[in-house]
Amino acid sequence: MRVPSRSPGGRSGPTAASTAPARRLPSRPGPVPVTEPDLAAYREAVADLLVEVGALADAPSVAARQVLIDDRLREPALAAVLDATPQGFLGARETLLLEMARYQPNTRSSAQDLTALVRIYLLSRIDIMWWRDTPTFLTDDQVQGSTDLVDLEWLRRRDLLGFRYREQPANVVGRGWQAVRRRLRPDASPRTAGLLARRARREVVALLNDLAREFAAATPPGTPPLWVTSLTRSVEHQHRLRRLGYAAMLPSGHCVGYAMDVEMTWFARYGVRDTLAALLLERQQAGEINVIDEGQAWHVCLAPAAGRRLRRAYEVEMGL
């Protein structure tokens, strides 16, 4: 197994190089197809930028940070990815500067400092570049009613899922019962609010099942199965999370159904967090996913290059 040179838990987040062959992205209207930028170079450029942002993280350095961002984002490795997003280079740059200006530390947020915010935003632009032509789920009702998504509970009851999740309580009684269980058995499961919508794309189900099998084979007996803390989210819910203080970026891979969050911190008590990190980074290196270290959970987004294979895998698993 190949493990990237940077530590999976490093401050700069995953920077493993993608070794997938160059391919063409879904093109915007126009006769010239768009070739995917060098993601290895992009991740390395992000890591370098974070070092400089960290040195200017104090309040008096606002002007210096803006000059830095203006200058560094124009580097070819960074500009190529940002320009390939729906907002384009200028829109992505302005959004980042606005996110930085509005940033307030929050215990709920995966962006524990300004450097983490910049890292999460820039690395998540890979997701947006990949799925820029995919329609977004604007409302919770669209998520619940979409035929492109499958019901995880239906699959779970038929023993067709290799991973676990928790559904978000729908009422006060449910939230109260969840609080009681946490007090009685605080370490029995990850501390997560759960899924608002237990719906996912078929390709994502196949990816998580595949990853769950690898994780089970690589860990000692008795290790809990892979745990997923977030899947498909609507733009409506993304705004809801932002109001609560979470680092919920927009646009987001969650809002097109191809992103998920995988629990990491809880598995440290079983001594297998690094094993899971290595499996995720190995898949990133193979060009199948994009990974962002967000602390307790890692954000994972499926790459279009792996979509067709995983769709076939889903159909085989379900006997379709």
C-alpha atoms as a PDB file:
ATOM      1  CA  MET A   1       0.000   0.000   0.000  1.00  0.00           C
ATOM      2  CA  ARG A   2       1.383   3.394  -0.933  1.00  0.00           C
ATOM      3  CA  VAL A   3       1.066   6.088   1.705  1.00  0.00           C
ATOM      4  CA  PRO A   4       1.843   9.722   0.805  1.00  0.00           C
ATOM      5  CA  SER A   5       4.815  11.417   2.406  1.00  0.00           C
ATOM      6  CA  ARG A   6       2.735  13.977   4.291  1.00  0.00           C
ATOM      7  CA  SER A   7       1.143  12.811   7.502  1.00  0.00           C
ATOM      8  CA  PRO A   8      -2.608  12.145   7.095  1.00  0.00           C
ATOM      9  CA  GLY A   9      -3.239  14.279  10.161  1.00  0.00           C
ATOM     10  CA  GLY A  10      -0.884  17.094   9.139  1.00  0.00           C
ATOM     11  CA  ARG A  11      -1.887  20.725   9.431  1.00  0.00           C
ATOM     12  CA  SER A  12      -1.909  21.234   5.703  1.00  0.00           C
ATOM     13  CA  GLY A  13      -4.302  18.354   5.059  1.00  0.00           C
ATOM     14  CA  PRO A  14      -4.045  15.669   2.343  1.00  0.00           C
ATOM     15  CA  THR A  15      -1.681  16.515  -0.472  1.00  0.00           C
ATOM     16  CA  ALA A  16      -1.293  13.104  -2.093  1.00  0.00           C
ATOM     17  CA  ALA A  17      -0.694  13.330  -5.828  1.00  0.00           C
ATOM     18  CA  SER A  18      -3.307  12.092  -8.249  1.00  0.00           C
ATOM     19  CA  THR A  19      -1.765   9.619 -10.646  1.00  0.00           C
ATOM     20  CA  ALA A  20      -4.854   9.196 -12.781  1.00  0.00           C
ATOM     21  CA  PRO A  21      -4.283   9.841 -16.483  1.00  0.00           C
ATOM     22  CA  ALA A  22      -5.414  13.180 -17.849  1.00  0.00           C
ATOM     23  CA  ARG A  23      -9.041  13.180 -18.928  1.00  0.00           C
ATOM     24  CA  ARG A  24     -11.563  15.671 -20.220  1.00  0.00           C
ATOM     25  CA  LEU A  25     -14.079  17.356 -17.946  1.00  0.00           C
ATOM     26  CA  PRO A  26     -17.683  17.833 -19.012  1.00  0.00           C
ATOM     27  CA  SER A  27     -17.321  20.899 -21.167  1.00  0.00           C
ATOM     28  CA  ARG A  28     -19.069  24.206 -20.860  1.00  0.00           C
ATOM     29  CA  PRO A  29     -20.972  25.440 -23.923  1.00  0.00           C
ATOM     30  CA  GLY A  30     -18.415  26.015 -26.655  1.00  0.00           C
ATOM     31  CA  PRO A  31     -16.367  24.065 -29.155  1.00  0.00           C
ATOM     32  CA  VAL A  32     -13.197  23.665 -27.061  1.00  0.00           C
ATOM     33  CA  PRO A  33     -13.193  20.835 -24.448  1.00  0.00           C
ATOM     34  CA  VAL A  34     -11.643  21.503 -21.052  1.00  0.00           C
ATOM     35  CA  THR A  35      -8.687  19.408 -19.887  1.00  0.00           C
ATOM     36  CA  GLU A  36      -8.454  18.678 -16.187  1.00  0.00           C
ATOM     37  CA  PRO A  37      -5.760  20.689 -14.379  1.00  0.00           C
ATOM     38  CA  ASP A  38      -2.873  19.021 -12.570  1.00  0.00           C
ATOM     39  CA  LEU A  39      -4.417  18.163  -9.192  1.00  0.00           C
ATOM     40  CA  ALA A  40      -1.104  17.102  -7.656  1.00  0.00           C
ATOM     41  CA  ALA A  41       0.334  20.534  -8.422  1.00  0.00           C
ATOM     42  CA  TYR A  42      -2.838  22.189  -7.135  1.00  0.00           C
ATOM     43  CA  ARG A  43      -2.722  20.373  -3.783  1.00  0.00           C
ATOM     44  CA  GLU A  44       0.963  21.171  -3.361  1.00  0.00           C
ATOM     45  CA  ALA A  45       0.326  24.844  -4.160  1.00  0.00           C
ATOM     46  CA  VAL A  46      -2.494  24.921  -1.600  1.00  0.00           C
ATOM     47  CA  ALA A  47      -0.175  23.435   1.039  1.00  0.00           C
ATOM     48  CA  ASP A  48       2.467  26.071   0.306  1.00  0.00           C
ATOM     49  CA  LEU A  49      -0.107  28.870   0.472  1.00  0.00           C
ATOM     50  CA  LEU A  50      -1.352  27.651   3.861  1.00  0.00           C
ATOM     51  CA  VAL A  51       2.088  28.110   5.383  1.00  0.00           C
ATOM     52  CA  GLU A  52       2.011  31.780   4.417  1.00  0.00           C
ATOM     53  CA  VAL A  53      -1.603  32.256   5.512  1.00  0.00           C
ATOM     54  CA  GLY A  54      -0.735  30.770   8.905  1.00  0.00           C
ATOM     55  CA  ALA A  55       2.020  33.350   9.335  1.00  0.00           C
ATOM     56  CA  LEU A  56      -0.513  36.140   8.718  1.00  0.00           C
ATOM     57  CA  ALA A  57      -3.391  34.774  10.794  1.00  0.00           C
ATOM     58  CA  ASP A  58      -3.461  37.576  13.381  1.00  0.00           C
ATOM     59  CA  ALA A  59      -6.082  40.333  13.181  1.00  0.00           C
ATOM     60  CA  PRO A  60      -3.715  43.191  12.133  1.00  0.00           C
ATOM     61  CA  SER A  61      -2.677  41.224   9.028  1.00  0.00           C
ATOM     62  CA  VAL A  62      -5.986  41.520   7.138  1.00  0.00           C
ATOM     63  CA  ALA A  63      -4.561  43.717   4.382  1.00  0.00           C
ATOM     64  CA  ALA A  64      -1.431  41.596   4.053  1.00  0.00           C
ATOM     65  CA  ARG A  65      -3.564  38.429   3.787  1.00  0.00           C
ATOM     66  CA  GLN A  66      -5.612  39.936   0.980  1.00  0.00           C
ATOM     67  CA  VAL A  67      -2.485  40.902  -0.939  1.00  0.00           C
ATOM     68  CA  LEU A  68      -1.131  37.394  -0.422  1.00  0.00           C
ATOM     69  CA  ILE A  69      -4.325  35.748  -1.663  1.00  0.00           C
ATOM     70  CA  ASP A  70      -4.541  38.081  -4.661  1.00  0.00           C
ATOM     71  CA  ASP A  71      -0.976  37.236  -5.605  1.00  0.00           C
ATOM     72  CA  ARG A  72      -0.804  33.507  -4.922  1.00  0.00           C
ATOM     73  CA  LEU A  73      -4.156  32.490  -6.411  1.00  0.00           C
ATOM     74  CA  ARG A  74      -2.934  33.762  -9.782  1.00  0.00           C
ATOM     75  CA  GLU A  75      -0.234  31.097  -9.893  1.00  0.00           C
ATOM     76  CA  PRO A  76      -1.008  28.722 -12.783  1.00  0.00           C
ATOM     77  CA  ALA A  77      -1.451  25.610 -10.607  1.00  0.00           C
ATOM     78  CA  LEU A  78      -4.093  27.330  -8.465  1.00  0.00           C
ATOM     79  CA  ALA A  79      -5.726  29.481 -11.129  1.00  0.00           C
ATOM     80  CA  ALA A  80      -6.306  26.487 -13.420  1.00  0.00           C
ATOM     81  CA  VAL A  81      -8.631  24.764 -10.937  1.00  0.00           C
ATOM     82  CA  LEU A  82     -10.424  27.911  -9.780  1.00  0.00           C
ATOM     83  CA  ASP A  83     -11.044  28.999 -13.363  1.00  0.00           C
ATOM     84  CA  ALA A  84     -12.621  25.598 -14.120  1.00  0.00           C
ATOM     85  CA  THR A  85     -15.297  26.026 -11.407  1.00  0.00           C
ATOM     86  CA  PRO A  86     -18.744  27.473 -12.216  1.00  0.00           C
ATOM     87  CA  GLN A  87     -17.812  30.776 -10.539  1.00  0.00           C
ATOM     88  CA  GLY A  88     -14.624  31.095 -12.538  1.00  0.00           C
ATOM     89  CA  PHE A  89     -11.381  32.455 -11.122  1.00  0.00           C
ATOM     90  CA  LEU A  90     -12.707  35.854 -10.069  1.00  0.00           C
ATOM     91  CA  GLY A  91     -15.829  34.457  -8.432  1.00  0.00           C
ATOM     92  CA  ALA A  92     -13.882  31.821  -6.513  1.00  0.00           C
ATOM     93  CA  ARG A  93     -11.343  34.405  -5.374  1.00  0.00           C
ATOM     94  CA  GLU A  94     -14.011  36.851  -4.198  1.00  0.00           C
ATOM     95  CA  THR A  95     -15.883  34.094  -2.359  1.00  0.00           C
ATOM     96  CA  LEU A  96     -12.728  33.026  -0.526  1.00  0.00           C
ATOM     97  CA  LEU A  97     -11.946  36.597   0.519  1.00  0.00           C
ATOM     98  CA  LEU A  98     -15.517  37.035   1.735  1.00  0.00           C
ATOM     99  CA  GLU A  99     -15.369  33.778   3.713  1.00  0.00           C
ATOM    100  CA  MET A 100     -12.133  34.959   5.317  1.00  0.00           C
ATOM    101  CA  ALA A 101     -13.604  38.363   6.175  1.00  0.00           C
ATOM    102  CA  ARG A 102     -16.659  36.777   7.801  1.00  0.00           C
ATOM    103  CA  TYR A 103     -14.771  34.050   9.639  1.00  0.00           C
ATOM    104  CA  GLN A 104     -15.446  33.683  13.349  1.00  0.00           C
ATOM    105  CA  PRO A 105     -13.991  30.803  15.425  1.00  0.00           C
ATOM    106  CA  ASN A 106     -16.716  28.336  16.380  1.00  0.00           C
ATOM    107  CA  THR A 107     -16.536  25.028  18.241  1.00  0.00           C
ATOM    108  CA  ARG A 108     -19.032  23.528  15.800  1.00  0.00           C
ATOM    109  CA  SER A 109     -16.966  24.369  12.746  1.00  0.00           C
ATOM    110  CA  SER A 110     -14.405  22.062  11.164  1.00  0.00           C
ATOM    111  CA  ALA A 111     -12.470  25.250  10.346  1.00  0.00           C
ATOM    112  CA  GLN A 112     -10.856  25.733  13.743  1.00  0.00           C
ATOM    113  CA  ASP A 113      -8.739  28.625  12.495  1.00  0.00           C
ATOM    114  CA  LEU A 114      -8.369  30.833   9.448  1.00  0.00           C
ATOM    115  CA  THR A 115      -5.775  28.554   7.866  1.00  0.00           C
ATOM    116  CA  ALA A 116      -8.160  25.600   8.091  1.00  0.00           C
ATOM    117  CA  LEU A 117     -10.906  27.663   6.469  1.00  0.00           C
ATOM    118  CA  VAL A 118      -8.680  28.484   3.479  1.00  0.00           C
ATOM    119  CA  ARG A 119      -7.596  24.844   3.173  1.00  0.00           C
ATOM    120  CA  ILE A 120     -11.155  23.503   3.264  1.00  0.00           C
ATOM    121  CA  TYR A 121     -12.387  26.074   0.747  1.00  0.00           C
ATOM    122  CA  LEU A 122      -9.585  25.619  -1.775  1.00  0.00           C
ATOM    123  CA  LEU A 123      -9.489  21.814  -1.660  1.00  0.00           C
ATOM    124  CA  SER A 124     -13.275  21.641  -1.947  1.00  0.00           C
ATOM    125  CA  ARG A 125     -13.039  23.514  -5.253  1.00  0.00           C
ATOM    126  CA  ILE A 126     -11.798  20.256  -6.790  1.00  0.00           C
ATOM    127  CA  ASP A 127     -15.263  18.785  -6.094  1.00  0.00           C
ATOM    128  CA  ILE A 128     -16.929  21.777  -7.697  1.00  0.00           C
ATOM    129  CA  MET A 129     -14.708  21.597 -10.772  1.00  0.00           C
ATOM    130  CA  TRP A 130     -15.506  17.900 -11.224  1.00  0.00           C
ATOM    131  CA  TRP A 131     -19.290  18.201 -10.890  1.00  0.00           C
ATOM    132  CA  ARG A 132     -19.867  21.728 -12.188  1.00  0.00           C
ATOM    133  CA  ASP A 133     -22.425  20.666 -14.807  1.00  0.00           C
ATOM    134  CA  THR A 134     -24.455  18.513 -12.381  1.00  0.00           C
ATOM    135  CA  PRO A 135     -27.776  19.991 -11.192  1.00  0.00           C
ATOM    136  CA  THR A 136     -27.810  21.070  -7.545  1.00  0.00           C
ATOM    137  CA  PHE A 137     -30.369  19.972  -4.976  1.00  0.00           C
ATOM    138  CA  LEU A 138     -31.751  23.331  -3.908  1.00  0.00           C
ATOM    139  CA  THR A 139     -34.290  22.228  -1.286  1.00  0.00           C
ATOM    140  CA  ASP A 140     -34.761  19.403   1.206  1.00  0.00           C
ATOM    141  CA  ASP A 141     -37.850  18.310  -0.748  1.00  0.00           C
ATOM    142  CA  GLN A 142     -35.749  17.896  -3.886  1.00  0.00           C
ATOM    143  CA  VAL A 143     -33.373  15.607  -2.009  1.00  0.00           C
ATOM    144  CA  GLN A 144     -36.212  13.510  -0.593  1.00  0.00           C
ATOM    145  CA  GLY A 145     -38.008  13.248  -3.923  1.00  0.00           C
ATOM    146  CA  SER A 146     -35.106  12.639  -6.310  1.00  0.00           C
ATOM    147  CA  THR A 147     -35.093   9.373  -8.249  1.00  0.00           C
ATOM    148  CA  ASP A 148     -31.311   9.745  -8.638  1.00  0.00           C
ATOM    149  CA  LEU A 149     -30.949   8.933  -4.931  1.00  0.00           C
ATOM    150  CA  VAL A 150     -31.682   5.707  -3.040  1.00  0.00           C
ATOM    151  CA  ASP A 151     -33.025   5.253   0.493  1.00  0.00           C
ATOM    152  CA  LEU A 152     -30.275   3.966   2.786  1.00  0.00           C
ATOM    153  CA  GLU A 153     -32.753   2.583   5.318  1.00  0.00           C
ATOM    154  CA  TRP A 154     -34.336   0.374   2.662  1.00  0.00           C
ATOM    155  CA  LEU A 155     -30.876  -0.981   1.826  1.00  0.00           C
ATOM    156  CA  ARG A 156     -29.843  -1.364   5.482  1.00  0.00           C
ATOM    157  CA  ARG A 157     -32.877  -3.458   6.345  1.00  0.00           C
ATOM    158  CA  ARG A 158     -31.923  -5.840   3.549  1.00  0.00           C
ATOM    159  CA  ASP A 159     -28.326  -6.070   4.796  1.00  0.00           C
ATOM    160  CA  LEU A 160     -26.978  -4.344   1.688  1.00  0.00           C
ATOM    161  CA  LEU A 161     -24.864  -1.710   3.455  1.00  0.00           C
ATOM    162  CA  GLY A 162     -21.354  -2.306   4.807  1.00  0.00           C
ATOM    163  CA  PHE A 163     -21.184   1.031   6.631  1.00  0.00           C
ATOM    164  CA  ARG A 164     -23.110   2.657   9.467  1.00  0.00           C
ATOM    165  CA  TYR A 165     -24.827   5.996   9.884  1.00  0.00           C
ATOM    166  CA  ARG A 166     -27.188   7.714  12.296  1.00  0.00           C
ATOM    167  CA  GLU A 167     -30.365   9.440  11.184  1.00  0.00           C
ATOM    168  CA  GLN A 168     -30.980  12.883  12.642  1.00  0.00           C
ATOM    169  CA  PRO A 169     -33.867  12.786  15.168  1.00  0.00           C
ATOM    170  CA  ALA A 170     -37.025  14.268  13.701  1.00  0.00           C
ATOM    171  CA  ASN A 171     -38.569  15.573  16.945  1.00  0.00           C
ATOM    172  CA  VAL A 172     -37.914  16.517  20.575  1.00  0.00           C
ATOM    173  CA  VAL A 173     -38.501  12.970  21.814  1.00  0.00           C
ATOM    174  CA  GLY A 174     -35.927  11.584  19.406  1.00  0.00           C
ATOM    175  CA  ARG A 175     -33.355  14.224  20.355  1.00  0.00           C
ATOM    176  CA  GLY A 176     -33.961  13.519  24.026  1.00  0.00           C
ATOM    177  CA  TRP A 177     -33.469   9.782  23.572  1.00  0.00           C
ATOM    178  CA  GLN A 178     -30.246  10.419  21.641  1.00  0.00           C
ATOM    179  CA  ALA A 179     -28.972  12.632  24.483  1.00  0.00           C
ATOM    180  CA  VAL A 180     -29.754   9.887  27.034  1.00  0.00           C
ATOM    181  CA  ARG A 181     -27.847   7.290  25.011  1.00  0.00           C
ATOM    182  CA  ARG A 182     -24.840   9.605  24.786  1.00  0.00           C
ATOM    183  CA  ARG A 183     -24.791  10.046  28.551  1.00  0.00           C
ATOM    184  CA  LEU A 184     -25.107   6.323  29.224  1.00  0.00           C
ATOM    185  CA  ARG A 185     -22.619   5.203  26.565  1.00  0.00           C
ATOM    186  CA  PRO A 186     -20.608   8.276  25.488  1.00  0.00           C
ATOM    187  CA  ASP A 187     -18.069   6.362  23.380  1.00  0.00           C
ATOM    188  CA  ALA A 188     -20.365   3.757  21.840  1.00  0.00           C
ATOM    189  CA  SER A 189     -20.697   5.736  18.624  1.00  0.00           C
ATOM    190  CA  PRO A 190     -19.346   8.935  17.036  1.00  0.00           C
ATOM    191  CA  ARG A 191     -20.652  12.242  18.344  1.00  0.00           C
ATOM    192  CA  THR A 192     -22.587  13.399  15.316  1.00  0.00           C
ATOM    193  CA  ALA A 193     -26.006  14.931  14.755  1.00  0.00           C
ATOM    194  CA  GLY A 194     -26.727  12.371  12.045  1.00  0.00           C
ATOM    195  CA  LEU A 195     -28.080  12.495   8.518  1.00  0.00           C
ATOM    196  CA  LEU A 196     -30.960  14.858   7.817  1.00  0.00           C
ATOM    197  CA  ALA A 197     -31.659  12.894   4.625  1.00  0.00           C
ATOM    198  CA  ARG A 198     -30.762   9.207   4.503  1.00  0.00           C
ATOM    199  CA  ARG A 199     -30.477   9.331   0.723  1.00  0.00           C
ATOM    200  CA  ALA A 200     -27.426   8.869  -1.492  1.00  0.00           C
ATOM    201  CA  ARG A 201     -26.399   8.323  -5.091  1.00  0.00           C
ATOM    202  CA  ARG A 202     -25.927   4.718  -6.119  1.00  0.00           C
ATOM    203  CA  GLU A 203     -22.273   5.315  -6.982  1.00  0.00           C
ATOM    204  CA  VAL A 204     -21.653   6.718  -3.494  1.00  0.00           C
ATOM    205  CA  VAL A 205     -23.249   3.655  -1.879  1.00  0.00           C
ATOM    206  CA  ALA A 206     -20.962   1.413  -3.946  1.00  0.00           C
ATOM    207  CA  LEU A 207     -17.882   3.465  -3.004  1.00  0.00           C
ATOM    208  CA  LEU A 208     -18.702   3.350   0.709  1.00  0.00           C
ATOM    209  CA  ASN A 209     -19.440  -0.381   0.606  1.00  0.00           C
ATOM    210  CA  ASP A 210     -16.137  -0.977  -1.185  1.00  0.00           C
ATOM    211  CA  LEU A 211     -14.243   1.177   1.297  1.00  0.00           C
ATOM    212  CA  ALA A 212     -15.997  -0.531   4.222  1.00  0.00           C
ATOM    213  CA  ARG A 213     -14.844  -3.939   2.979  1.00  0.00           C
ATOM    214  CA  GLU A 214     -11.239  -2.728   2.645  1.00  0.00           C
ATOM    215  CA  PHE A 215     -11.362  -1.152   6.091  1.00  0.00           C
ATOM    216  CA  ALA A 216     -12.726  -4.341   7.685  1.00  0.00           C
ATOM    217  CA  ALA A 217     -10.030  -6.441   6.000  1.00  0.00           C
ATOM    218  CA  ALA A 218      -7.239  -4.085   7.146  1.00  0.00           C
ATOM    219  CA  THR A 219      -8.271  -3.774  10.813  1.00  0.00           C
ATOM    220  CA  PRO A 220      -8.356  -6.190  13.779  1.00  0.00           C
ATOM    221  CA  PRO A 221     -11.477  -8.212  14.613  1.00  0.00           C
ATOM    222  CA  GLY A 222     -13.912  -6.217  16.726  1.00  0.00           C
ATOM    223  CA  THR A 223     -13.228  -2.912  14.966  1.00  0.00           C
ATOM    224  CA  PRO A 224     -16.522  -1.109  14.279  1.00  0.00           C
ATOM    225  CA  PRO A 225     -17.551  -0.728  10.635  1.00  0.00           C
ATOM    226  CA  LEU A 226     -16.948   2.418   8.622  1.00  0.00           C
ATOM    227  CA  TRP A 227     -19.159   5.267   9.868  1.00  0.00           C
ATOM    228  CA  VAL A 228     -20.573   8.016   7.633  1.00  0.00           C
ATOM    229  CA  THR A 229     -21.640  11.300   9.256  1.00  0.00           C
ATOM    230  CA  SER A 230     -22.965  13.237   6.249  1.00  0.00           C
ATOM    231  CA  LEU A 231     -24.107  12.550   2.700  1.00  0.00           C
ATOM    232  CA  THR A 232     -26.423  14.422   0.332  1.00  0.00           C
ATOM    233  CA  ARG A 233     -27.437  17.882   1.518  1.00  0.00           C
ATOM    234  CA  SER A 234     -29.547  20.565  -0.112  1.00  0.00           C
ATOM    235  CA  VAL A 235     -28.447  24.160  -0.560  1.00  0.00           C
ATOM    236  CA  GLU A 236     -31.275  24.995   1.839  1.00  0.00           C
ATOM    237  CA  HIS A 237     -29.707  22.787   4.516  1.00  0.00           C
ATOM    238  CA  GLN A 238     -26.233  24.096   3.726  1.00  0.00           C
ATOM    239  CA  HIS A 239     -27.420  27.619   4.559  1.00  0.00           C
ATOM    240  CA  ARG A 240     -28.989  26.241   7.737  1.00  0.00           C
ATOM    241  CA  LEU A 241     -25.636  24.784   8.785  1.00  0.00           C
ATOM    242  CA  ARG A 242     -23.844  28.047   8.004  1.00  0.00           C
ATOM    243  CA  ARG A 243     -26.213  29.935  10.296  1.00  0.00           C
ATOM    244  CA  LEU A 244     -25.329  27.476  13.065  1.00  0.00           C
ATOM    245  CA  GLY A 245     -21.623  28.206  12.602  1.00  0.00           C
ATOM    246  CA  TYR A 246     -20.495  25.202  10.562  1.00  0.00           C
ATOM    247  CA  ALA A 247     -17.971  25.582   7.723  1.00  0.00           C
ATOM    248  CA  ALA A 248     -20.532  24.569   5.089  1.00  0.00           C
ATOM    249  CA  MET A 249     -19.100  25.784   1.788  1.00  0.00           C
ATOM    250  CA  LEU A 250     -21.096  26.884  -1.227  1.00  0.00           C
ATOM    251  CA  PRO A 251     -21.154  25.585  -3.867  1.00  0.00           C
ATOM    252  CA  SER A 252     -20.653  22.142  -2.312  1.00  0.00           C
ATOM    253  CA  GLY A 253     -20.171  18.572  -3.511  1.00  0.00           C
ATOM    254  CA  HIS A 254     -22.752  17.552  -0.899  1.00  0.00           C
ATOM    255  CA  CYS A 255     -25.388  19.529  -2.781  1.00  0.00           C
ATOM    256  CA  VAL A 256     -24.938  17.481  -5.959  1.00  0.00           C
ATOM    257  CA  GLY A 257     -24.915  14.194  -4.035  1.00  0.00           C
ATOM    258  CA  TYR A 258     -21.326  13.126  -4.691  1.00  0.00           C
ATOM    259  CA  ALA A 259     -19.705  14.143  -1.380  1.00  0.00           C
ATOM    260  CA  MET A 260     -19.752  12.434   2.001  1.00  0.00           C
ATOM    261  CA  ASP A 261     -18.120  12.853   5.412  1.00  0.00           C
ATOM    262  CA  VAL A 262     -16.408   9.862   7.019  1.00  0.00           C
ATOM    263  CA  GLU A 263     -15.821   9.682  10.795  1.00  0.00           C
ATOM    264  CA  MET A 264     -12.126   9.627  11.749  1.00  0.00           C
ATOM    265  CA  THR A 265     -11.532  10.746  15.356  1.00  0.00           C
ATOM    266  CA  TRP A 266     -13.727   8.049  16.915  1.00  0.00           C
ATOM    267  CA  PHE A 267     -11.615   5.329  15.281  1.00  0.00           C
ATOM    268  CA  ALA A 268      -8.481   6.609  17.065  1.00  0.00           C
ATOM    269  CA  ARG A 269      -9.710   4.895  20.246  1.00  0.00           C
ATOM    270  CA  TYR A 270      -9.481   1.601  18.336  1.00  0.00           C
ATOM    271  CA  GLY A 271      -6.031   2.420  16.963  1.00  0.00           C
ATOM    272  CA  VAL A 272      -7.187   2.318  13.320  1.00  0.00           C
ATOM    273  CA  ARG A 273      -7.603   5.981  12.388  1.00  0.00           C
ATOM    274  CA  ASP A 274      -4.343   6.015  10.424  1.00  0.00           C
ATOM    275  CA  THR A 275      -5.368   2.826   8.633  1.00  0.00           C
ATOM    276  CA  LEU A 276      -8.543   4.489   7.401  1.00  0.00           C
ATOM    277  CA  ALA A 277      -6.636   7.658   6.486  1.00  0.00           C
ATOM    278  CA  ALA A 278      -4.188   5.631   4.396  1.00  0.00           C
ATOM    279  CA  LEU A 279      -7.034   3.884   2.547  1.00  0.00           C
ATOM    280  CA  LEU A 280      -8.647   7.217   1.703  1.00  0.00           C
ATOM    281  CA  LEU A 281      -5.412   8.848   0.588  1.00  0.00           C
ATOM    282  CA  GLU A 282      -4.535   5.837  -1.539  1.00  0.00           C
ATOM    283  CA  ARG A 283      -7.826   6.213  -3.392  1.00  0.00           C
ATOM    284  CA  GLN A 284      -7.149   9.920  -3.825  1.00  0.00           C
ATOM    285  CA  GLN A 285      -3.757   9.092  -5.290  1.00  0.00           C
ATOM    286  CA  ALA A 286      -5.482   6.729  -7.719  1.00  0.00           C
ATOM    287  CA  GLY A 287      -7.736   9.584  -8.865  1.00  0.00           C
ATOM    288  CA  GLU A 288     -10.986   8.081  -7.513  1.00  0.00           C
ATOM    289  CA  ILE A 289     -11.798  10.639  -4.823  1.00  0.00           C
ATOM    290  CA  ASN A 290     -10.921  14.023  -3.388  1.00  0.00           C
ATOM    291  CA  VAL A 291     -10.136  14.070   0.345  1.00  0.00           C
ATOM    292  CA  ILE A 292     -10.132  16.945   2.844  1.00  0.00           C
ATOM    293  CA  ASP A 293      -8.983  16.485   6.435  1.00  0.00           C
ATOM    294  CA  GLU A 294     -11.643  18.310   8.473  1.00  0.00           C
ATOM    295  CA  GLY A 295     -10.631  16.974  11.865  1.00  0.00           C
ATOM    296  CA  GLN A 296     -13.285  14.716  13.391  1.00  0.00           C
ATOM    297  CA  ALA A 297     -14.525  13.720   9.953  1.00  0.00           C
ATOM    298  CA  TRP A 298     -12.846  13.708   6.550  1.00  0.00           C
ATOM    299  CA  HIS A 299     -14.703  15.098   3.577  1.00  0.00           C
ATOM    300  CA  VAL A 300     -14.663  12.743   0.589  1.00  0.00           C
ATOM    301  CA  CYS A 301     -15.939  13.445  -2.918  1.00  0.00           C
ATOM    302  CA  LEU A 302     -16.255  10.893  -5.697  1.00  0.00           C
ATOM    303  CA  ALA A 303     -14.403  11.667  -8.930  1.00  0.00           C
ATOM    304  CA  PRO A 304     -16.323  11.405 -12.214  1.00  0.00           C
ATOM    305  CA  ALA A 305     -13.634   9.038 -13.522  1.00  0.00           C
ATOM    306  CA  ALA A 306     -14.759   6.390 -11.001  1.00  0.00           C
ATOM    307  CA  GLY A 307     -18.491   6.923 -11.443  1.00  0.00           C
ATOM    308  CA  ARG A 308     -19.200   4.432 -14.226  1.00  0.00           C
ATOM    309  CA  ARG A 309     -17.293   1.591 -12.526  1.00  0.00           C
ATOM    310  CA  LEU A 310     -19.041   2.210  -9.204  1.00  0.00           C
ATOM    311  CA  ARG A 311     -22.466   2.392 -10.835  1.00  0.00           C
ATOM    312  CA  ARG A 312     -21.852  -1.044 -12.346  1.00  0.00           C
ATOM    313  CA  ALA A 313     -20.626  -2.296  -8.960  1.00  0.00           C
ATOM    314  CA  TYR A 314     -23.833  -1.074  -7.320  1.00  0.00           C
ATOM    315  CA  GLU A 315     -25.984  -2.846  -9.889  1.00  0.00           C
ATOM    316  CA  VAL A 316     -24.056  -6.080  -9.385  1.00  0.00           C
ATOM    317  CA  GLU A 317     -24.333  -5.847  -5.581  1.00  0.00           C
ATOM    318  CA  MET A 318     -28.065  -5.204  -5.751  1.00  0.00           C
ATOM    319  CA  GLY A 319     -28.626  -7.924  -8.323  1.00  0.00           C
ATOM    320  CA  LEU A 320     -29.980  -5.506 -10.920  1.00  0.00           C
END
